[in-house]
Amino acid sequence: MSDKIEETIKEIAAKHGIAVGRDDPILILQTINDRLMQESTAAQQANLDAFKSELEEIAHRWGDDAKNKAERTLNAALAASKEAMAATIKENAKATAAAARQQVEEAIAQELKPSIREARRVSYMNLVAAGMVVFAAGLALWASW
């Protein structure tokens, strides 16, 4: 502190051309000013530390909020994706089932066509035979009168 006072005495003498002693009241103001500056610096440092702590806390909260929002967004996108996949799978399953049904029906139709033709031919022949039996029965009945 005495070095600072010596520097102040030299500076006053150099700038203003006035000799000041160590017991001059002007140095009391310098000492008070230095003391106020130290207290102000300490108070400002405390304020800066508190502000830094608040900023870190806010940044941490923002980080947590951003993480939570990102997680919710990701979960919503995942759920929507699952729903879209389920809908697509369902549509494709229906289309596949319809295609398989059509192919089976076509295969059955191809295999049954000859059998159906044969059954139709046999039923026509049975109709003709039944008609002949009815005609013969009618003739027999007419002949017996």
N, C-alpha and C. Protein backbone atom coordinates (compact mmCIF):
# COMPACT_ATOMS: atom_id res chain seq x y z
N MET A 1 0.82 -1.18 0.00
CA MET A 1 0.00 0.00 0.00
C MET A 1 0.87 1.25 0.00
N SER A 2 1.98 1.22 0.72
CA SER A 2 2.86 2.40 0.77
C SER A 2 3.48 2.67 -0.59
N ASP A 3 3.72 1.63 -1.38
CA ASP A 3 4.22 1.84 -2.75
C ASP A 3 3.20 2.61 -3.58
N LYS A 4 1.93 2.27 -3.38
CA LYS A 4 0.89 2.94 -4.11
C LYS A 4 0.80 4.42 -3.72
N ILE A 5 0.95 4.67 -2.43
CA ILE A 5 0.93 6.07 -1.95
C ILE A 5 2.11 6.84 -2.53
N GLU A 6 3.29 6.24 -2.54
CA GLU A 6 4.48 6.87 -3.12
C GLU A 6 4.24 7.18 -4.60
N GLU A 7 3.65 6.24 -5.32
CA GLU A 7 3.35 6.46 -6.74
C GLU A 7 2.39 7.62 -6.91
N THR A 8 1.37 7.69 -6.06
CA THR A 8 0.40 8.78 -6.13
C THR A 8 1.07 10.13 -5.86
N ILE A 9 1.93 10.21 -4.84
CA ILE A 9 2.65 11.46 -4.52
C ILE A 9 3.49 11.89 -5.72
N LYS A 10 4.18 10.94 -6.34
CA LYS A 10 5.02 11.26 -7.51
C LYS A 10 4.16 11.72 -8.69
N GLU A 11 3.02 11.08 -8.91
CA GLU A 11 2.15 11.44 -10.03
C GLU A 11 1.58 12.84 -9.84
N ILE A 12 1.17 13.18 -8.60
CA ILE A 12 0.64 14.53 -8.32
C ILE A 12 1.73 15.57 -8.56
N ALA A 13 2.91 15.28 -8.10
CA ALA A 13 4.02 16.23 -8.27
C ALA A 13 4.35 16.40 -9.75
N ALA A 14 4.32 15.32 -10.54
CA ALA A 14 4.68 15.39 -11.94
C ALA A 14 3.60 16.11 -12.76
N LYS A 15 2.33 15.81 -12.51
CA LYS A 15 1.25 16.38 -13.30
C LYS A 15 0.91 17.81 -12.89
N HIS A 16 0.89 18.05 -11.58
CA HIS A 16 0.39 19.34 -11.10
C HIS A 16 1.48 20.25 -10.53
N GLY A 17 2.65 19.71 -10.33
CA GLY A 17 3.75 20.51 -9.80
C GLY A 17 3.56 20.88 -8.33
N ILE A 18 2.85 20.08 -7.61
CA ILE A 18 2.60 20.34 -6.19
C ILE A 18 3.24 19.21 -5.39
N ALA A 19 3.92 19.59 -4.31
CA ALA A 19 4.51 18.59 -3.43
C ALA A 19 3.49 18.24 -2.36
N VAL A 20 3.24 16.95 -2.22
CA VAL A 20 2.26 16.46 -1.25
C VAL A 20 3.00 15.55 -0.28
N GLY A 21 2.70 15.70 1.03
CA GLY A 21 3.33 14.84 2.03
C GLY A 21 2.47 13.62 2.30
N ARG A 22 3.07 12.67 3.05
CA ARG A 22 2.35 11.43 3.34
C ARG A 22 1.13 11.68 4.24
N ASP A 23 1.12 12.79 4.97
CA ASP A 23 0.01 13.08 5.87
C ASP A 23 -0.99 14.07 5.26
N ASP A 24 -0.94 14.31 3.97
CA ASP A 24 -1.84 15.25 3.28
C ASP A 24 -3.23 14.63 3.20
N PRO A 25 -4.30 15.43 3.44
CA PRO A 25 -5.68 14.91 3.39
C PRO A 25 -6.07 14.38 2.02
N ILE A 26 -5.44 14.84 0.97
CA ILE A 26 -5.77 14.35 -0.37
C ILE A 26 -5.47 12.84 -0.48
N LEU A 27 -4.46 12.38 0.25
CA LEU A 27 -4.12 10.94 0.22
C LEU A 27 -5.17 10.12 0.95
N ILE A 28 -5.87 10.77 1.93
CA ILE A 28 -6.97 10.08 2.61
C ILE A 28 -8.05 9.74 1.59
N LEU A 29 -8.34 10.73 0.71
CA LEU A 29 -9.33 10.48 -0.35
C LEU A 29 -8.87 9.34 -1.28
N GLN A 30 -7.58 9.35 -1.57
CA GLN A 30 -7.03 8.27 -2.42
C GLN A 30 -7.21 6.92 -1.74
N THR A 31 -6.94 6.85 -0.44
CA THR A 31 -7.09 5.60 0.30
C THR A 31 -8.55 5.17 0.33
N ILE A 32 -9.44 6.16 0.60
CA ILE A 32 -10.88 5.83 0.61
C ILE A 32 -11.32 5.35 -0.76
N ASN A 33 -10.85 6.04 -1.80
CA ASN A 33 -11.18 5.65 -3.17
C ASN A 33 -10.70 4.24 -3.48
N ASP A 34 -9.46 3.92 -3.06
CA ASP A 34 -8.93 2.56 -3.28
C ASP A 34 -9.79 1.53 -2.56
N ARG A 35 -10.16 1.86 -1.33
CA ARG A 35 -10.96 0.93 -0.52
C ARG A 35 -12.32 0.70 -1.19
N LEU A 36 -12.96 1.79 -1.65
CA LEU A 36 -14.26 1.67 -2.33
C LEU A 36 -14.13 0.85 -3.62
N MET A 37 -13.02 1.07 -4.31
CA MET A 37 -12.79 0.31 -5.55
C MET A 37 -12.65 -1.19 -5.25
N GLN A 38 -11.94 -1.52 -4.18
CA GLN A 38 -11.77 -2.93 -3.81
C GLN A 38 -13.12 -3.54 -3.42
N GLU A 39 -13.89 -2.80 -2.61
CA GLU A 39 -15.20 -3.30 -2.20
C GLU A 39 -16.13 -3.45 -3.40
N SER A 40 -16.07 -2.44 -4.29
CA SER A 40 -16.90 -2.49 -5.50
C SER A 40 -16.49 -3.67 -6.37
N THR A 41 -15.19 -3.88 -6.49
CA THR A 41 -14.70 -5.02 -7.29
C THR A 41 -15.17 -6.33 -6.69
N ALA A 42 -15.09 -6.44 -5.36
CA ALA A 42 -15.52 -7.67 -4.69
C ALA A 42 -17.03 -7.87 -4.88
N ALA A 43 -17.81 -6.77 -4.75
CA ALA A 43 -19.26 -6.87 -4.93
C ALA A 43 -19.60 -7.25 -6.37
N GLN A 44 -18.91 -6.63 -7.32
CA GLN A 44 -19.16 -6.96 -8.73
C GLN A 44 -18.78 -8.40 -9.03
N GLN A 45 -17.68 -8.86 -8.43
CA GLN A 45 -17.27 -10.25 -8.65
C GLN A 45 -18.32 -11.21 -8.08
N ALA A 46 -18.87 -10.86 -6.89
CA ALA A 46 -19.93 -11.69 -6.30
C ALA A 46 -21.16 -11.70 -7.20
N ASN A 47 -21.51 -10.51 -7.72
CA ASN A 47 -22.65 -10.43 -8.65
C ASN A 47 -22.39 -11.25 -9.91
N LEU A 48 -21.19 -11.14 -10.44
CA LEU A 48 -20.84 -11.91 -11.65
C LEU A 48 -20.89 -13.41 -11.38
N ASP A 49 -20.39 -13.83 -10.21
CA ASP A 49 -20.45 -15.25 -9.85
C ASP A 49 -21.89 -15.73 -9.74
N ALA A 50 -22.75 -14.91 -9.10
CA ALA A 50 -24.16 -15.27 -8.96
C ALA A 50 -24.83 -15.32 -10.34
N PHE A 51 -24.50 -14.34 -11.20
CA PHE A 51 -25.07 -14.31 -12.55
C PHE A 51 -24.60 -15.53 -13.35
N LYS A 52 -23.33 -15.87 -13.21
CA LYS A 52 -22.78 -17.04 -13.90
C LYS A 52 -23.50 -18.30 -13.44
N SER A 53 -23.72 -18.40 -12.13
CA SER A 53 -24.42 -19.57 -11.58
C SER A 53 -25.84 -19.65 -12.13
N GLU A 54 -26.53 -18.50 -12.18
CA GLU A 54 -27.89 -18.47 -12.73
C GLU A 54 -27.89 -18.86 -14.20
N LEU A 55 -26.94 -18.33 -14.96
CA LEU A 55 -26.85 -18.67 -16.38
C LEU A 55 -26.60 -20.16 -16.59
N GLU A 56 -25.72 -20.72 -15.77
CA GLU A 56 -25.45 -22.15 -15.88
C GLU A 56 -26.69 -22.96 -15.56
N GLU A 57 -27.44 -22.52 -14.53
CA GLU A 57 -28.67 -23.22 -14.17
C GLU A 57 -29.71 -23.12 -15.28
N ILE A 58 -29.84 -21.92 -15.85
CA ILE A 58 -30.78 -21.73 -16.96
C ILE A 58 -30.37 -22.56 -18.17
N ALA A 59 -29.08 -22.57 -18.47
CA ALA A 59 -28.59 -23.36 -19.60
C ALA A 59 -28.86 -24.84 -19.35
N HIS A 60 -28.68 -25.28 -18.12
CA HIS A 60 -28.94 -26.68 -17.78
C HIS A 60 -30.43 -27.00 -17.96
N ARG A 61 -31.30 -26.08 -17.48
CA ARG A 61 -32.74 -26.29 -17.65
C ARG A 61 -33.13 -26.31 -19.12
N TRP A 62 -32.55 -25.36 -19.87
CA TRP A 62 -32.84 -25.33 -21.31
C TRP A 62 -32.39 -26.62 -21.97
N GLY A 63 -31.23 -27.10 -21.57
CA GLY A 63 -30.73 -28.35 -22.13
C GLY A 63 -31.66 -29.50 -21.81
N ASP A 64 -32.14 -29.54 -20.56
CA ASP A 64 -33.08 -30.60 -20.18
C ASP A 64 -34.39 -30.46 -20.94
N ASP A 65 -34.88 -29.21 -21.05
CA ASP A 65 -36.12 -28.98 -21.80
C ASP A 65 -35.97 -29.39 -23.26
N ALA A 66 -34.85 -29.01 -23.85
CA ALA A 66 -34.61 -29.36 -25.26
C ALA A 66 -34.52 -30.88 -25.40
N LYS A 67 -33.86 -31.52 -24.46
CA LYS A 67 -33.73 -32.98 -24.50
C LYS A 67 -35.11 -33.63 -24.39
N ASN A 68 -35.93 -33.14 -23.44
CA ASN A 68 -37.27 -33.69 -23.26
C ASN A 68 -38.13 -33.48 -24.49
N LYS A 69 -38.05 -32.27 -25.07
CA LYS A 69 -38.84 -31.99 -26.28
C LYS A 69 -38.38 -32.85 -27.44
N ALA A 70 -37.07 -33.01 -27.57
CA ALA A 70 -36.55 -33.85 -28.64
C ALA A 70 -36.99 -35.30 -28.43
N GLU A 71 -36.99 -35.73 -27.20
CA GLU A 71 -37.40 -37.10 -26.90
C GLU A 71 -38.88 -37.30 -27.21
N ARG A 72 -39.71 -36.30 -26.83
CA ARG A 72 -41.14 -36.40 -27.14
C ARG A 72 -41.38 -36.39 -28.64
N THR A 73 -40.65 -35.53 -29.34
CA THR A 73 -40.79 -35.46 -30.80
C THR A 73 -40.38 -36.79 -31.43
N LEU A 74 -39.28 -37.34 -30.95
CA LEU A 74 -38.80 -38.62 -31.48
C LEU A 74 -39.80 -39.72 -31.19
N ASN A 75 -40.36 -39.74 -29.99
CA ASN A 75 -41.35 -40.76 -29.65
C ASN A 75 -42.60 -40.62 -30.50
N ALA A 76 -43.03 -39.37 -30.73
CA ALA A 76 -44.21 -39.14 -31.58
C ALA A 76 -43.93 -39.59 -33.00
N ALA A 77 -42.74 -39.27 -33.51
CA ALA A 77 -42.38 -39.71 -34.86
C ALA A 77 -42.30 -41.22 -34.94
N LEU A 78 -41.77 -41.85 -33.90
CA LEU A 78 -41.68 -43.31 -33.87
C LEU A 78 -43.07 -43.92 -33.85
N ALA A 79 -43.97 -43.36 -33.04
CA ALA A 79 -45.34 -43.87 -32.99
C ALA A 79 -46.04 -43.71 -34.34
N ALA A 80 -45.86 -42.55 -34.95
CA ALA A 80 -46.46 -42.32 -36.28
C ALA A 80 -45.88 -43.28 -37.30
N SER A 81 -44.59 -43.52 -37.21
CA SER A 81 -43.94 -44.46 -38.13
C SER A 81 -44.47 -45.87 -37.93
N LYS A 82 -44.65 -46.26 -36.67
CA LYS A 82 -45.20 -47.59 -36.39
C LYS A 82 -46.61 -47.72 -36.95
N GLU A 83 -47.42 -46.67 -36.76
CA GLU A 83 -48.78 -46.69 -37.29
C GLU A 83 -48.78 -46.78 -38.81
N ALA A 84 -47.90 -46.01 -39.43
CA ALA A 84 -47.82 -46.03 -40.90
C ALA A 84 -47.37 -47.41 -41.38
N MET A 85 -46.38 -47.98 -40.67
CA MET A 85 -45.91 -49.32 -41.05
C MET A 85 -47.02 -50.35 -40.88
N ALA A 86 -47.77 -50.25 -39.77
CA ALA A 86 -48.86 -51.20 -39.53
C ALA A 86 -49.92 -51.07 -40.63
N ALA A 87 -50.25 -49.82 -41.00
CA ALA A 87 -51.24 -49.61 -42.05
C ALA A 87 -50.74 -50.16 -43.39
N THR A 88 -49.47 -49.92 -43.68
CA THR A 88 -48.90 -50.42 -44.93
C THR A 88 -48.87 -51.94 -44.95
N ILE A 89 -48.48 -52.53 -43.83
CA ILE A 89 -48.45 -54.00 -43.74
C ILE A 89 -49.86 -54.56 -43.93
N LYS A 90 -50.85 -53.91 -43.30
CA LYS A 90 -52.22 -54.37 -43.42
C LYS A 90 -52.70 -54.29 -44.87
N GLU A 91 -52.40 -53.15 -45.52
CA GLU A 91 -52.80 -52.99 -46.93
C GLU A 91 -52.11 -54.02 -47.81
N ASN A 92 -50.82 -54.21 -47.58
CA ASN A 92 -50.08 -55.19 -48.39
C ASN A 92 -50.57 -56.61 -48.12
N ALA A 93 -50.93 -56.91 -46.87
CA ALA A 93 -51.45 -58.24 -46.56
C ALA A 93 -52.78 -58.47 -47.29
N LYS A 94 -53.64 -57.43 -47.32
CA LYS A 94 -54.91 -57.56 -48.03
C LYS A 94 -54.66 -57.77 -49.53
N ALA A 95 -53.74 -56.98 -50.07
CA ALA A 95 -53.43 -57.10 -51.50
C ALA A 95 -52.86 -58.48 -51.81
N THR A 96 -51.98 -58.97 -50.95
CA THR A 96 -51.38 -60.29 -51.15
C THR A 96 -52.43 -61.38 -51.04
N ALA A 97 -53.33 -61.25 -50.06
CA ALA A 97 -54.39 -62.25 -49.89
C ALA A 97 -55.31 -62.24 -51.11
N ALA A 98 -55.64 -61.04 -51.60
CA ALA A 98 -56.51 -60.96 -52.79
C ALA A 98 -55.83 -61.58 -54.00
N ALA A 99 -54.54 -61.30 -54.16
CA ALA A 99 -53.80 -61.88 -55.30
C ALA A 99 -53.73 -63.39 -55.16
N ALA A 100 -53.46 -63.87 -53.94
CA ALA A 100 -53.38 -65.32 -53.73
C ALA A 100 -54.74 -65.96 -53.98
N ARG A 101 -55.82 -65.32 -53.50
CA ARG A 101 -57.18 -65.84 -53.71
C ARG A 101 -57.48 -65.92 -55.21
N GLN A 102 -57.11 -64.87 -55.92
CA GLN A 102 -57.37 -64.85 -57.36
C GLN A 102 -56.60 -65.96 -58.06
N GLN A 103 -55.34 -66.16 -57.68
CA GLN A 103 -54.54 -67.21 -58.31
C GLN A 103 -55.10 -68.60 -57.99
N VAL A 104 -55.54 -68.78 -56.74
CA VAL A 104 -56.12 -70.08 -56.36
C VAL A 104 -57.41 -70.31 -57.13
N GLU A 105 -58.24 -69.26 -57.22
CA GLU A 105 -59.50 -69.40 -57.97
C GLU A 105 -59.23 -69.71 -59.44
N GLU A 106 -58.23 -69.03 -60.01
CA GLU A 106 -57.89 -69.30 -61.41
C GLU A 106 -57.37 -70.73 -61.57
N ALA A 107 -56.55 -71.18 -60.63
CA ALA A 107 -56.02 -72.55 -60.71
C ALA A 107 -57.14 -73.56 -60.57
N ILE A 108 -58.05 -73.30 -59.62
CA ILE A 108 -59.18 -74.22 -59.42
C ILE A 108 -60.06 -74.22 -60.66
N ALA A 109 -60.29 -73.00 -61.20
CA ALA A 109 -61.13 -72.91 -62.40
C ALA A 109 -60.49 -73.67 -63.55
N GLN A 110 -59.19 -73.56 -63.71
CA GLN A 110 -58.51 -74.26 -64.79
C GLN A 110 -58.62 -75.78 -64.61
N GLU A 111 -58.51 -76.23 -63.35
CA GLU A 111 -58.57 -77.67 -63.10
C GLU A 111 -60.01 -78.18 -63.13
N LEU A 112 -60.96 -77.34 -62.75
CA LEU A 112 -62.35 -77.79 -62.68
C LEU A 112 -63.10 -77.61 -63.99
N LYS A 113 -62.59 -76.82 -64.89
CA LYS A 113 -63.29 -76.59 -66.16
C LYS A 113 -63.61 -77.90 -66.88
N PRO A 114 -62.64 -78.77 -67.05
CA PRO A 114 -62.98 -80.03 -67.74
C PRO A 114 -64.01 -80.85 -66.95
N SER A 115 -63.88 -80.84 -65.62
CA SER A 115 -64.84 -81.61 -64.80
C SER A 115 -66.23 -80.99 -64.90
N ILE A 116 -66.30 -79.69 -64.91
CA ILE A 116 -67.60 -79.01 -65.01
C ILE A 116 -68.21 -79.28 -66.37
N ARG A 117 -67.41 -79.22 -67.42
CA ARG A 117 -67.92 -79.53 -68.77
C ARG A 117 -68.47 -80.95 -68.83
N GLU A 118 -67.70 -81.86 -68.23
CA GLU A 118 -68.12 -83.28 -68.23
C GLU A 118 -69.40 -83.43 -67.44
N ALA A 119 -69.51 -82.76 -66.29
CA ALA A 119 -70.72 -82.86 -65.47
C ALA A 119 -71.91 -82.25 -66.22
N ARG A 120 -71.67 -81.16 -66.92
CA ARG A 120 -72.74 -80.52 -67.69
C ARG A 120 -73.21 -81.46 -68.82
N ARG A 121 -72.24 -82.08 -69.48
CA ARG A 121 -72.58 -83.02 -70.56
C ARG A 121 -73.38 -84.21 -70.02
N VAL A 122 -72.97 -84.72 -68.85
CA VAL A 122 -73.67 -85.85 -68.25
C VAL A 122 -75.09 -85.44 -67.86
N SER A 123 -75.24 -84.20 -67.30
CA SER A 123 -76.58 -83.78 -66.89
C SER A 123 -77.48 -83.56 -68.10
N TYR A 124 -76.94 -83.08 -69.22
CA TYR A 124 -77.74 -82.96 -70.45
C TYR A 124 -78.20 -84.34 -70.92
N MET A 125 -77.26 -85.26 -70.83
CA MET A 125 -77.62 -86.64 -71.26
C MET A 125 -78.69 -87.22 -70.32
N ASN A 126 -78.57 -86.92 -69.02
CA ASN A 126 -79.59 -87.40 -68.07
C ASN A 126 -80.94 -86.76 -68.36
N LEU A 127 -80.93 -85.46 -68.74
CA LEU A 127 -82.19 -84.79 -69.08
C LEU A 127 -82.82 -85.43 -70.32
N VAL A 128 -81.97 -85.71 -71.29
CA VAL A 128 -82.48 -86.35 -72.51
C VAL A 128 -83.03 -87.72 -72.17
N ALA A 129 -82.29 -88.47 -71.33
CA ALA A 129 -82.75 -89.81 -70.96
C ALA A 129 -84.05 -89.72 -70.16
N ALA A 130 -84.13 -88.72 -69.25
CA ALA A 130 -85.36 -88.56 -68.46
C ALA A 130 -86.52 -88.21 -69.37
N GLY A 131 -86.23 -87.35 -70.37
CA GLY A 131 -87.29 -86.99 -71.33
C GLY A 131 -87.75 -88.21 -72.11
N MET A 132 -86.82 -89.05 -72.47
CA MET A 132 -87.18 -90.27 -73.21
C MET A 132 -88.01 -91.21 -72.33
N VAL A 133 -87.65 -91.28 -71.03
CA VAL A 133 -88.41 -92.15 -70.11
C VAL A 133 -89.82 -91.61 -69.96
N VAL A 134 -89.95 -90.29 -69.84
CA VAL A 134 -91.29 -89.71 -69.69
C VAL A 134 -92.10 -89.95 -70.98
N PHE A 135 -91.43 -89.78 -72.12
CA PHE A 135 -92.11 -90.02 -73.40
C PHE A 135 -92.55 -91.49 -73.51
N ALA A 136 -91.65 -92.42 -73.10
CA ALA A 136 -91.97 -93.86 -73.19
C ALA A 136 -93.10 -94.20 -72.22
N ALA A 137 -93.09 -93.58 -71.02
CA ALA A 137 -94.15 -93.84 -70.06
C ALA A 137 -95.47 -93.31 -70.60
N GLY A 138 -95.40 -92.13 -71.23
CA GLY A 138 -96.62 -91.58 -71.84
C GLY A 138 -97.14 -92.47 -72.94
N LEU A 139 -96.27 -93.01 -73.77
CA LEU A 139 -96.66 -93.91 -74.84
C LEU A 139 -97.25 -95.20 -74.29
N ALA A 140 -96.63 -95.69 -73.21
CA ALA A 140 -97.13 -96.93 -72.61
C ALA A 140 -98.51 -96.68 -72.03
N LEU A 141 -98.69 -95.56 -71.45
CA LEU A 141 -99.99 -95.23 -70.87
C LEU A 141 -101.03 -95.05 -71.98
N TRP A 142 -100.66 -94.43 -73.05
CA TRP A 142 -101.59 -94.22 -74.16
C TRP A 142 -101.94 -95.55 -74.84
N ALA A 143 -100.94 -96.42 -74.94
CA ALA A 143 -101.16 -97.70 -75.59
C ALA A 143 -102.05 -98.59 -74.75
N SER A 144 -101.98 -98.41 -73.42
CA SER A 144 -102.80 -99.27 -72.58
C SER A 144 -104.25 -98.79 -72.50
N TRP A 145 -104.69 -97.82 -73.07
CA TRP A 145 -106.08 -97.36 -73.02
C TRP A 145 -106.86 -97.86 -74.08
